[in-house]
Amino acid sequence: MKEFNLKKTIKLSALVIIAIFILAYAVNCSTYYKNRIEIFEVKGVIENFEMAENLTKIGSDPNVKGIVLKINSPGGGVYASRELEKAVKNIKEKKPVVCIIEDYGASGAYYVASAASYIYAYENSTTLAIGVLAVWVDYSKYNEEKGITYWVWKSSDEKDFGAPWRPPTEEEKALLQLQIDLIYEEFIKTVAENRNMDIETVRKDANGMAYLASDAVSMGYIDSIGNFEDALEKTKELSRVKKYILICQEDSSWDILKKSLIKGFDF
């Protein structure tokens, strides 16, 4: 009888230990799952609003405690860049967004980066190039030489504004320059506000030229020379999380769960 009770006690104790282990493991997994640092990549030309929408969605997830913004872009469209910058700025009010500029983070891409909580770049990364560009391609002389004629019916004189079959009028040139100047001023103002810099200093540097990150640091446009690991450490520091899992944009829900389970063994 005593032997039976002893075996029963041992089995019960073993079950209790297993249950405690499973509970501790589950709690640890949950801690990792609810403390995520997301990697968001801005690659290539910024040309649509999808990036801003995706970033906003990630930033609104309460389980995401910080974002590493990896930028490798020469810039892009005015409005797409503006929406992405707004998304970064809005998220930064609630959680850290730390940027790492890789090969390029210039023009519209720097505009986006300027809104981050902190900016790292590699020493020879190409950045800044603050300015605005518009192009009107005129094939009228080429078409004339080739005997190509366009017949155009339009509801008003400006309906074919920007069309390649004719050159711009003087009024259209002036209008384009006015639009460029307005966007340029907004670019300068936004960078100055985001970086807490004197607007006249930014205006002086906003000559359209690209600079190496090593120069941009001394000019005040980049916080530090560093790499992805530095950006990750800064995100951890600012978000104040000790246990976390690192998530990429392409990770599925199953990938996130697997990372949580694997990390759960790290007590």
Protein backbone atom coordinates (compact mmCIF):
# COMPACT_ATOMS: atom_id res chain seq x y z
CA MET A 1 0.00 0.00 0.00
CA LYS A 2 2.83 2.36 0.96
CA GLU A 3 4.63 1.48 -2.28
CA PHE A 4 1.47 2.27 -4.26
CA ASN A 5 1.09 5.65 -2.53
CA LEU A 6 4.75 6.43 -3.18
CA LYS A 7 4.39 5.69 -6.90
CA LYS A 8 1.23 7.76 -7.01
CA THR A 9 2.99 10.66 -5.26
CA ILE A 10 5.94 10.46 -7.67
CA LYS A 11 3.62 10.47 -10.70
CA LEU A 12 1.63 13.37 -9.30
CA SER A 13 4.80 15.32 -8.55
CA ALA A 14 6.08 14.66 -12.07
CA LEU A 15 2.80 15.87 -13.56
CA VAL A 16 2.94 19.01 -11.41
CA ILE A 17 6.51 19.73 -12.54
CA ILE A 18 5.56 19.20 -16.19
CA ALA A 19 2.52 21.43 -15.78
CA ILE A 20 4.66 24.17 -14.19
CA PHE A 21 7.19 23.87 -17.02
CA ILE A 22 4.46 24.07 -19.69
CA LEU A 23 2.88 27.07 -17.95
CA ALA A 24 6.23 28.86 -17.63
CA TYR A 25 7.03 28.05 -21.26
CA ALA A 26 3.63 29.32 -22.43
CA VAL A 27 4.04 32.55 -20.43
CA ASN A 28 7.52 33.02 -21.87
CA CYS A 29 6.25 32.41 -25.42
CA SER A 30 3.47 34.88 -24.81
CA THR A 31 6.00 37.45 -23.59
CA TYR A 32 7.99 37.12 -26.81
CA TYR A 33 4.86 37.11 -28.99
CA LYS A 34 3.66 40.31 -27.38
CA ASN A 35 7.06 42.00 -27.64
CA ARG A 36 7.89 42.18 -31.31
CA ILE A 37 10.36 44.36 -33.14
CA GLU A 38 9.38 44.69 -36.78
CA ILE A 39 11.78 45.19 -39.69
CA PHE A 40 10.20 47.36 -42.38
CA GLU A 41 12.07 47.74 -45.66
CA VAL A 42 11.84 50.66 -48.06
CA LYS A 43 13.53 49.37 -51.21
CA GLY A 44 13.69 50.92 -54.65
CA VAL A 45 11.66 53.84 -55.90
CA ILE A 46 8.88 55.06 -53.60
CA GLU A 47 6.03 55.21 -56.08
CA ASN A 48 2.77 54.15 -54.43
CA PHE A 49 0.83 54.45 -51.19
CA GLU A 50 1.05 50.74 -50.37
CA MET A 51 4.22 51.17 -48.30
CA ALA A 52 2.57 53.81 -46.11
CA GLU A 53 -0.54 51.67 -45.67
CA ASN A 54 1.51 48.60 -44.70
CA LEU A 55 3.67 50.57 -42.27
CA THR A 56 0.60 52.14 -40.64
CA LYS A 57 -0.94 48.69 -40.18
CA ILE A 58 2.23 47.37 -38.54
CA GLY A 59 2.54 50.44 -36.33
CA SER A 60 -1.02 50.07 -35.06
CA ASP A 61 -0.36 46.52 -33.78
CA PRO A 62 -0.02 46.78 -29.96
CA ASN A 63 2.28 43.73 -29.96
CA VAL A 64 4.84 45.61 -32.07
CA LYS A 65 6.98 47.59 -29.62
CA GLY A 66 9.38 49.15 -32.10
CA ILE A 67 10.27 49.29 -35.80
CA VAL A 68 13.62 49.13 -37.58
CA LEU A 69 13.19 51.08 -40.82
CA LYS A 70 15.65 49.75 -43.43
CA ILE A 71 15.98 52.20 -46.30
CA ASN A 72 17.69 51.49 -49.60
CA SER A 73 16.03 53.93 -51.98
CA PRO A 74 17.03 56.86 -54.22
CA GLY A 75 13.69 58.56 -53.52
CA GLY A 76 10.46 58.63 -55.45
CA GLY A 77 7.17 60.39 -56.00
CA VAL A 78 6.30 63.45 -53.95
CA TYR A 79 2.97 62.24 -52.60
CA ALA A 80 4.02 58.64 -51.97
CA SER A 81 7.07 59.88 -50.04
CA ARG A 82 4.94 62.35 -48.12
CA GLU A 83 2.45 59.67 -47.03
CA LEU A 84 5.27 57.38 -45.90
CA GLU A 85 6.87 60.21 -43.92
CA LYS A 86 3.55 60.91 -42.22
CA ALA A 87 3.19 57.23 -41.33
CA VAL A 88 6.65 57.20 -39.72
CA LYS A 89 5.90 60.39 -37.81
CA ASN A 90 2.55 59.13 -36.52
CA ILE A 91 4.02 55.83 -35.33
CA LYS A 92 6.97 57.59 -33.69
CA GLU A 93 4.57 59.32 -31.31
CA LYS A 94 3.70 55.92 -29.78
CA LYS A 95 6.74 53.71 -30.31
CA PRO A 96 10.31 54.06 -31.62
CA VAL A 97 11.09 53.96 -35.33
CA VAL A 98 14.84 53.66 -35.84
CA CYS A 99 16.17 54.06 -39.38
CA ILE A 100 19.20 52.43 -40.98
CA ILE A 101 20.15 53.81 -44.40
CA GLU A 102 21.91 51.21 -46.54
CA ASP A 103 23.33 52.10 -49.99
CA TYR A 104 20.90 54.94 -50.65
CA GLY A 105 18.60 57.11 -48.60
CA ALA A 106 18.35 60.18 -50.79
CA SER A 107 15.76 62.75 -51.84
CA GLY A 108 12.28 61.41 -50.99
CA ALA A 109 13.83 58.50 -49.10
CA TYR A 110 15.72 60.91 -46.85
CA TYR A 111 12.49 62.89 -46.45
CA VAL A 112 10.99 59.68 -45.00
CA ALA A 113 14.05 58.91 -42.86
CA SER A 114 14.06 62.40 -41.34
CA ALA A 115 10.87 61.55 -39.43
CA ALA A 116 12.47 58.60 -37.60
CA SER A 117 13.31 58.56 -33.89
CA TYR A 118 16.98 58.01 -34.72
CA ILE A 119 18.92 57.66 -37.98
CA TYR A 120 21.90 55.40 -38.62
CA ALA A 121 23.73 55.05 -41.92
CA TYR A 122 26.79 53.26 -43.21
CA GLU A 123 29.80 55.52 -43.65
CA ASN A 124 29.57 55.58 -47.44
CA SER A 125 25.79 55.57 -47.74
CA THR A 126 24.45 58.15 -50.19
CA THR A 127 21.95 60.50 -48.62
CA LEU A 128 20.31 63.96 -48.62
CA ALA A 129 19.90 65.21 -52.25
CA ILE A 130 17.19 67.53 -50.93
CA GLY A 131 15.33 68.95 -53.90
CA VAL A 132 12.49 68.48 -56.35
CA LEU A 133 12.55 67.49 -60.01
CA ALA A 134 9.94 67.52 -62.78
CA VAL A 135 10.51 66.51 -66.41
CA TRP A 136 8.54 67.31 -69.56
CA VAL A 137 9.74 65.22 -72.50
CA ASP A 138 9.15 66.90 -75.85
CA TYR A 139 9.23 64.65 -78.93
CA SER A 140 7.74 67.22 -81.30
CA LYS A 141 10.92 67.76 -83.37
CA TYR A 142 11.64 64.03 -83.51
CA ASN A 143 8.07 63.37 -84.63
CA GLU A 144 8.38 66.07 -87.28
CA GLU A 145 11.59 64.52 -88.65
CA LYS A 146 9.94 61.10 -88.75
CA GLY A 147 6.79 62.42 -90.35
CA ILE A 148 4.63 61.60 -87.34
CA THR A 149 1.61 63.82 -86.84
CA TYR A 150 -0.66 63.88 -83.79
CA TRP A 151 -4.25 64.98 -84.12
CA VAL A 152 -5.54 65.99 -80.69
CA TRP A 153 -9.09 66.83 -79.67
CA LYS A 154 -9.36 68.32 -76.19
CA SER A 155 -11.91 70.04 -74.00
CA SER A 156 -9.52 72.83 -72.96
CA ASP A 157 -6.06 74.14 -73.78
CA GLU A 158 -4.48 72.59 -70.69
CA LYS A 159 -6.03 69.13 -71.06
CA ASP A 160 -2.83 67.79 -72.68
CA PHE A 161 -0.56 69.45 -70.12
CA GLY A 162 2.69 67.45 -70.09
CA ALA A 163 1.98 65.68 -73.38
CA PRO A 164 5.16 64.59 -75.23
CA TRP A 165 3.88 65.68 -78.65
CA ARG A 166 4.33 69.40 -77.91
CA PRO A 167 6.62 71.72 -75.93
CA PRO A 168 5.32 73.59 -72.87
CA THR A 169 4.10 77.15 -73.24
CA GLU A 170 5.74 79.95 -71.24
CA GLU A 171 2.72 79.99 -68.92
CA GLU A 172 3.04 76.24 -68.36
CA LYS A 173 6.75 76.57 -67.60
CA ALA A 174 5.98 79.22 -64.99
CA LEU A 175 3.22 77.07 -63.47
CA LEU A 176 5.50 74.04 -63.21
CA GLN A 177 8.22 76.12 -61.58
CA LEU A 178 5.71 77.49 -59.08
CA GLN A 179 4.64 73.97 -58.14
CA ILE A 180 8.28 72.87 -57.81
CA ASP A 181 9.06 75.83 -55.55
CA LEU A 182 6.08 75.11 -53.28
CA ILE A 183 6.98 71.43 -52.91
CA TYR A 184 10.64 72.36 -52.37
CA GLU A 185 9.75 74.73 -49.52
CA GLU A 186 7.58 72.06 -47.93
CA PHE A 187 10.49 69.58 -48.20
CA ILE A 188 12.86 72.01 -46.45
CA LYS A 189 10.34 72.87 -43.73
CA THR A 190 9.56 69.21 -42.99
CA VAL A 191 13.22 68.20 -42.72
CA ALA A 192 13.98 71.18 -40.48
CA GLU A 193 11.08 70.30 -38.17
CA ASN A 194 11.83 66.57 -38.11
CA ARG A 195 15.52 67.10 -37.39
CA ASN A 196 15.03 70.11 -35.11
CA MET A 197 17.31 72.19 -37.33
CA ASP A 198 17.35 75.83 -38.36
CA ILE A 199 15.32 76.16 -41.55
CA GLU A 200 17.86 78.49 -43.17
CA THR A 201 20.61 75.93 -42.56
CA VAL A 202 18.53 73.28 -44.29
CA ARG A 203 17.73 75.66 -47.14
CA LYS A 204 21.45 76.31 -47.64
CA ASP A 205 22.17 72.57 -47.79
CA ALA A 206 19.13 71.79 -49.96
CA ASN A 207 20.99 72.24 -53.23
CA GLY A 208 19.99 68.89 -54.70
CA MET A 209 23.44 67.38 -54.10
CA ALA A 210 23.88 63.96 -52.58
CA TYR A 211 26.26 63.60 -49.64
CA LEU A 212 28.05 60.70 -48.02
CA ALA A 213 26.63 59.76 -44.64
CA SER A 214 29.95 60.62 -42.98
CA ASP A 215 29.41 64.23 -44.08
CA ALA A 216 25.69 64.16 -43.29
CA VAL A 217 26.49 63.25 -39.66
CA SER A 218 28.64 66.34 -39.20
CA MET A 219 25.93 68.43 -40.89
CA GLY A 220 23.27 67.15 -38.47
CA TYR A 221 21.13 65.13 -40.89
CA ILE A 222 22.23 61.68 -39.67
CA ASP A 223 22.59 60.80 -35.99
CA SER A 224 25.33 58.17 -36.15
CA ILE A 225 27.36 55.97 -38.44
CA GLY A 226 26.28 52.40 -37.77
CA ASN A 227 24.74 49.23 -39.14
CA PHE A 228 21.61 47.13 -38.78
CA GLU A 229 22.71 45.70 -35.42
CA ASP A 230 23.17 49.22 -34.06
CA ALA A 231 19.68 50.16 -35.26
CA LEU A 232 18.25 47.05 -33.61
CA GLU A 233 20.01 47.79 -30.31
CA LYS A 234 18.75 51.38 -30.37
CA THR A 235 15.20 50.14 -31.02
CA LYS A 236 15.47 47.77 -28.05
CA GLU A 237 16.79 50.60 -25.89
CA LEU A 238 14.06 53.07 -26.85
CA SER A 239 11.25 50.51 -26.64
CA ARG A 240 12.56 49.19 -23.30
CA VAL A 241 11.90 45.56 -24.17
CA LYS A 242 14.26 42.86 -22.93
CA LYS A 243 12.62 39.80 -24.47
CA TYR A 244 11.47 40.11 -28.06
CA ILE A 245 11.23 38.41 -31.42
CA LEU A 246 12.41 40.02 -34.64
CA ILE A 247 9.81 40.02 -37.42
CA CYS A 248 10.26 40.75 -41.13
CA GLN A 249 7.49 42.08 -43.39
CA GLU A 250 7.22 38.80 -45.27
CA ASP A 251 6.78 36.71 -42.12
CA SER A 252 3.41 34.96 -41.96
CA SER A 253 1.39 34.46 -38.77
CA TRP A 254 2.78 30.91 -38.65
CA ASP A 255 6.36 32.25 -38.92
CA ILE A 256 5.71 34.61 -36.01
CA LEU A 257 4.27 31.76 -33.92
CA LYS A 258 7.26 29.53 -34.68
CA LYS A 259 9.68 32.28 -33.65
CA SER A 260 7.74 32.73 -30.41
CA LEU A 261 7.87 28.99 -29.68
CA ILE A 262 11.60 28.76 -30.42
CA LYS A 263 12.35 31.81 -28.29
CA GLY A 264 10.21 30.34 -25.53
CA PHE A 265 13.04 27.94 -24.63
CA ASP A 266 15.28 30.89 -23.75
CA PHE A 267 14.49 31.34 -20.04
